[in-house]
Amino acid sequence: MFTGIIKKISTVEKVSKRNESLFVEISRPKGWKIWEGESISINGICSTVKKFNAKIFEVEYMPETIEKTTAGIWKKGTAVNLEKSLTLKDLLDGHIVQGHIDTRGKIVDIRKDKESKIIKIQISPKFMRLVAEKGSVSIDGISLTVVNSGRDWFSVSLVSYTLENTNLGKIKIGDRVNIETDVLAKYLDKLLSSQNYAKKK
């Protein structure tokens, strides 16, 4: 479990595919203690450390993750957001983020607003029922607040700190990002769907 508060920006050092799995080596942040089996959020994807050394750590992604996230388009030099998993003594500064990506989003507009930027992201309409204005959403692992929304899009505001300390500072129109909707919205949607199904029986 994570908070969506990014701790480091790192880079992809190597990407290789073996059988149906994707193996990605990430540059290890200076001073980071890492161990095998640890969970780290990489651009919002809950990733398990497979092996590591002084310079890198490696994670493995299965076909479902490759299909639903941007991991399949990463290459050497790709900037990625990192967050270590939450401990019981940590502050929940963002919101509850599971690291389970729902879908990819496409950046369709970027507008400057003084020191901030408003970005508009297009996603499949079926996921918009889980996105509420002024609610929480995770974009590439970053906890953000939804500003506005439409049938197949929503917008968020990026303050100067977020632009300077995450990979969204260099985002461009047409880029793809990982989207995780609010976990509370998912459970509520499931509960209401189950109730409606029961009424129809």
Protein backbone atom coordinates (compact mmCIF):
# COMPACT_ATOMS: atom_id res chain seq x y z
CA MET A 1 0.00 0.00 0.00
CA PHE A 2 1.18 3.53 -0.83
CA THR A 3 0.18 7.17 -0.33
CA GLY A 4 0.84 8.66 -3.76
CA ILE A 5 3.55 10.95 -2.37
CA ILE A 6 6.55 10.45 -4.66
CA LYS A 7 9.91 10.09 -2.92
CA LYS A 8 12.31 9.94 -5.88
CA ILE A 9 12.43 10.26 -9.65
CA SER A 10 14.63 7.58 -11.19
CA THR A 11 15.31 6.21 -14.67
CA VAL A 12 14.90 2.93 -16.48
CA GLU A 13 18.32 1.42 -17.21
CA LYS A 14 17.36 -1.73 -19.10
CA VAL A 15 14.24 -3.47 -20.42
CA SER A 16 14.19 -7.10 -21.58
CA LYS A 17 11.47 -9.61 -22.38
CA ARG A 18 11.80 -13.28 -21.50
CA ASN A 19 8.97 -15.62 -22.41
CA GLU A 20 5.84 -13.52 -21.68
CA SER A 21 7.29 -11.48 -18.82
CA LEU A 22 8.97 -8.08 -18.86
CA PHE A 23 12.10 -7.49 -16.77
CA VAL A 24 12.97 -3.89 -15.97
CA GLU A 25 16.10 -2.55 -14.29
CA ILE A 26 15.69 0.76 -12.45
CA SER A 27 18.51 3.01 -11.28
CA ARG A 28 18.73 2.63 -7.50
CA PRO A 29 18.36 5.97 -5.67
CA LYS A 30 21.38 6.93 -3.61
CA GLY A 31 21.00 5.91 0.04
CA TRP A 32 17.94 3.72 -0.54
CA LYS A 33 17.88 0.49 1.42
CA ILE A 34 16.32 -2.22 -0.74
CA TRP A 35 15.75 -5.93 -0.22
CA GLU A 36 14.50 -8.81 -2.34
CA GLY A 37 10.73 -9.16 -2.19
CA GLU A 38 10.16 -5.53 -1.21
CA SER A 39 7.23 -3.71 -2.82
CA ILE A 40 8.02 -0.41 -4.56
CA SER A 41 5.63 1.74 -6.56
CA ILE A 42 7.10 2.48 -9.99
CA ASN A 43 4.93 4.98 -11.89
CA GLY A 44 2.08 3.74 -9.72
CA ILE A 45 2.64 0.03 -10.36
CA CYS A 46 3.13 -2.08 -7.23
CA SER A 47 6.39 -3.83 -8.16
CA THR A 48 8.32 -6.56 -6.35
CA VAL A 49 12.11 -6.31 -6.19
CA LYS A 50 13.50 -9.45 -7.83
CA LYS A 51 17.18 -8.67 -7.39
CA PHE A 52 19.41 -5.66 -6.81
CA ASN A 53 22.95 -4.39 -6.53
CA ALA A 54 24.60 -1.09 -5.66
CA LYS A 55 23.46 0.56 -8.90
CA ILE A 56 20.11 -0.94 -9.92
CA PHE A 57 17.16 -3.01 -8.83
CA GLU A 58 15.16 -5.30 -11.09
CA VAL A 59 11.42 -5.99 -11.20
CA GLU A 60 9.32 -8.36 -13.28
CA TYR A 61 5.93 -7.71 -14.87
CA MET A 62 3.47 -10.35 -16.05
CA PRO A 63 1.36 -10.02 -19.25
CA GLU A 64 -1.68 -8.50 -17.50
CA THR A 65 0.46 -5.68 -16.08
CA ILE A 66 2.05 -5.07 -19.48
CA GLU A 67 -1.40 -4.85 -21.06
CA LYS A 68 -2.96 -2.47 -18.52
CA THR A 69 -0.02 -0.15 -17.79
CA THR A 70 2.65 1.88 -19.55
CA ALA A 71 5.41 -0.57 -18.54
CA GLY A 72 5.37 -2.08 -22.02
CA ILE A 73 6.49 1.20 -23.60
CA TRP A 74 9.30 1.96 -21.15
CA LYS A 75 12.81 2.14 -22.55
CA LYS A 76 16.29 3.06 -21.35
CA GLY A 77 16.16 6.61 -20.00
CA THR A 78 12.42 6.69 -19.21
CA ALA A 79 11.83 8.76 -16.07
CA VAL A 80 9.79 6.97 -13.40
CA ASN A 81 8.30 7.98 -10.05
CA LEU A 82 9.27 5.88 -7.04
CA GLU A 83 7.59 5.39 -3.67
CA LYS A 84 8.39 2.80 -1.02
CA SER A 85 5.46 0.98 0.56
CA LEU A 86 3.64 2.53 3.51
CA THR A 87 4.51 1.54 7.07
CA LEU A 88 2.24 1.83 10.11
CA LYS A 89 4.26 4.79 11.44
CA ASP A 90 4.07 6.82 8.22
CA LEU A 91 1.76 9.79 7.65
CA LEU A 92 -0.97 9.33 5.05
CA ASP A 93 -0.21 12.62 3.28
CA GLY A 94 -1.88 11.64 -0.02
CA HIS A 95 -4.62 9.00 -0.23
CA ILE A 96 -4.77 5.20 -0.08
CA VAL A 97 -3.07 3.93 -3.24
CA GLN A 98 -2.87 0.18 -3.84
CA GLY A 99 -0.52 0.19 -6.81
CA HIS A 100 -3.11 -1.73 -8.87
CA ILE A 101 -3.42 0.17 -12.15
CA ASP A 102 -6.91 0.26 -13.69
CA THR A 103 -6.07 1.62 -17.11
CA ARG A 104 -3.82 3.84 -19.19
CA GLY A 105 -4.74 7.46 -19.79
CA LYS A 106 -3.75 9.77 -22.65
CA ILE A 107 -2.70 13.40 -22.13
CA VAL A 108 -4.93 15.44 -24.48
CA ASP A 109 -4.38 18.99 -23.21
CA ILE A 110 -1.92 20.94 -21.06
CA ARG A 111 -2.71 24.47 -19.97
CA LYS A 112 -0.52 26.75 -17.86
CA ASP A 113 -2.16 28.43 -14.86
CA LYS A 114 0.35 30.82 -13.28
CA GLU A 115 2.93 28.56 -11.59
CA SER A 116 0.76 25.46 -12.04
CA LYS A 117 -0.41 23.40 -15.01
CA ILE A 118 -3.83 21.93 -15.71
CA ILE A 119 -3.63 18.63 -17.57
CA LYS A 120 -6.55 16.90 -19.22
CA ILE A 121 -6.48 13.11 -19.41
CA GLN A 122 -8.64 10.91 -21.60
CA ILE A 123 -9.64 7.44 -20.38
CA SER A 124 -12.25 4.84 -21.28
CA PRO A 125 -15.77 6.02 -20.26
CA LYS A 126 -16.29 2.82 -18.23
CA PHE A 127 -13.74 4.05 -15.68
CA MET A 128 -15.21 7.55 -15.37
CA ARG A 129 -17.89 6.29 -12.97
CA LEU A 130 -15.01 5.83 -10.50
CA VAL A 131 -13.66 9.37 -10.96
CA ALA A 132 -15.37 12.14 -8.97
CA GLU A 133 -14.74 15.87 -9.16
CA LYS A 134 -12.71 16.94 -6.11
CA GLY A 135 -12.06 13.26 -5.43
CA SER A 136 -8.71 11.49 -5.45
CA VAL A 137 -6.96 9.77 -8.34
CA SER A 138 -3.44 8.39 -8.82
CA ILE A 139 -1.57 9.34 -12.00
CA ASP A 140 1.78 7.58 -12.51
CA GLY A 141 1.68 6.94 -8.77
CA ILE A 142 1.04 10.58 -7.81
CA SER A 143 -1.88 11.37 -5.52
CA LEU A 144 -3.88 14.16 -7.18
CA THR A 145 -7.30 15.82 -6.87
CA VAL A 146 -9.73 15.78 -9.78
CA VAL A 147 -10.62 19.32 -10.91
CA ASN A 148 -13.19 18.73 -13.66
CA SER A 149 -14.51 15.74 -15.58
CA GLY A 150 -16.52 14.75 -18.65
CA ARG A 151 -17.78 11.57 -20.31
CA ASP A 152 -14.30 10.24 -21.10
CA TRP A 153 -11.88 12.70 -19.51
CA PHE A 154 -10.87 14.42 -16.30
CA SER A 155 -8.42 17.16 -15.40
CA VAL A 156 -6.01 17.71 -12.52
CA SER A 157 -3.91 20.64 -11.41
CA LEU A 158 -0.16 20.22 -10.95
CA VAL A 159 1.41 22.70 -8.54
CA SER A 160 5.03 23.78 -8.97
CA TYR A 161 6.30 21.26 -6.39
CA THR A 162 4.71 18.36 -8.28
CA LEU A 163 6.11 19.66 -11.58
CA GLU A 164 9.61 19.87 -10.09
CA ASN A 165 9.60 16.58 -8.15
CA THR A 166 7.79 14.09 -10.39
CA ASN A 167 7.98 12.96 -14.00
CA LEU A 168 4.84 14.95 -14.85
CA GLY A 169 7.01 18.06 -15.02
CA LYS A 170 8.03 17.00 -18.54
CA ILE A 171 4.74 15.45 -19.67
CA LYS A 172 3.62 16.19 -23.25
CA ILE A 173 0.35 15.97 -25.16
CA GLY A 174 -0.03 12.43 -26.47
CA ASP A 175 1.93 10.82 -23.61
CA ARG A 176 0.40 7.85 -21.78
CA VAL A 177 0.10 7.61 -18.01
CA ASN A 178 -1.00 4.99 -15.48
CA ILE A 179 -4.35 5.60 -13.81
CA GLU A 180 -5.53 4.13 -10.51
CA THR A 181 -8.97 5.24 -9.41
CA ASP A 182 -9.91 5.67 -5.76
CA VAL A 183 -10.18 2.33 -3.95
CA LEU A 184 -13.22 3.54 -1.97
CA ALA A 185 -15.03 4.31 -5.23
CA LYS A 186 -14.29 0.77 -6.47
CA TYR A 187 -15.78 -0.91 -3.41
CA LEU A 188 -18.82 1.39 -3.40
CA ASP A 189 -19.39 0.72 -7.11
CA LYS A 190 -19.14 -3.03 -6.51
CA LEU A 191 -21.57 -2.85 -3.59
CA LEU A 192 -24.15 -0.87 -5.57
CA SER A 193 -23.76 -3.16 -8.59
CA SER A 194 -24.35 -6.21 -6.37
CA GLN A 195 -27.46 -4.65 -4.85
CA ASN A 196 -28.88 -3.81 -8.28
CA TYR A 197 -28.20 -7.36 -9.46
CA ALA A 198 -29.96 -8.79 -6.39
CA LYS A 199 -33.05 -6.61 -7.03
CA LYS A 200 -33.33 -7.89 -10.62
CA LYS A 201 -33.27 -11.56 -9.59
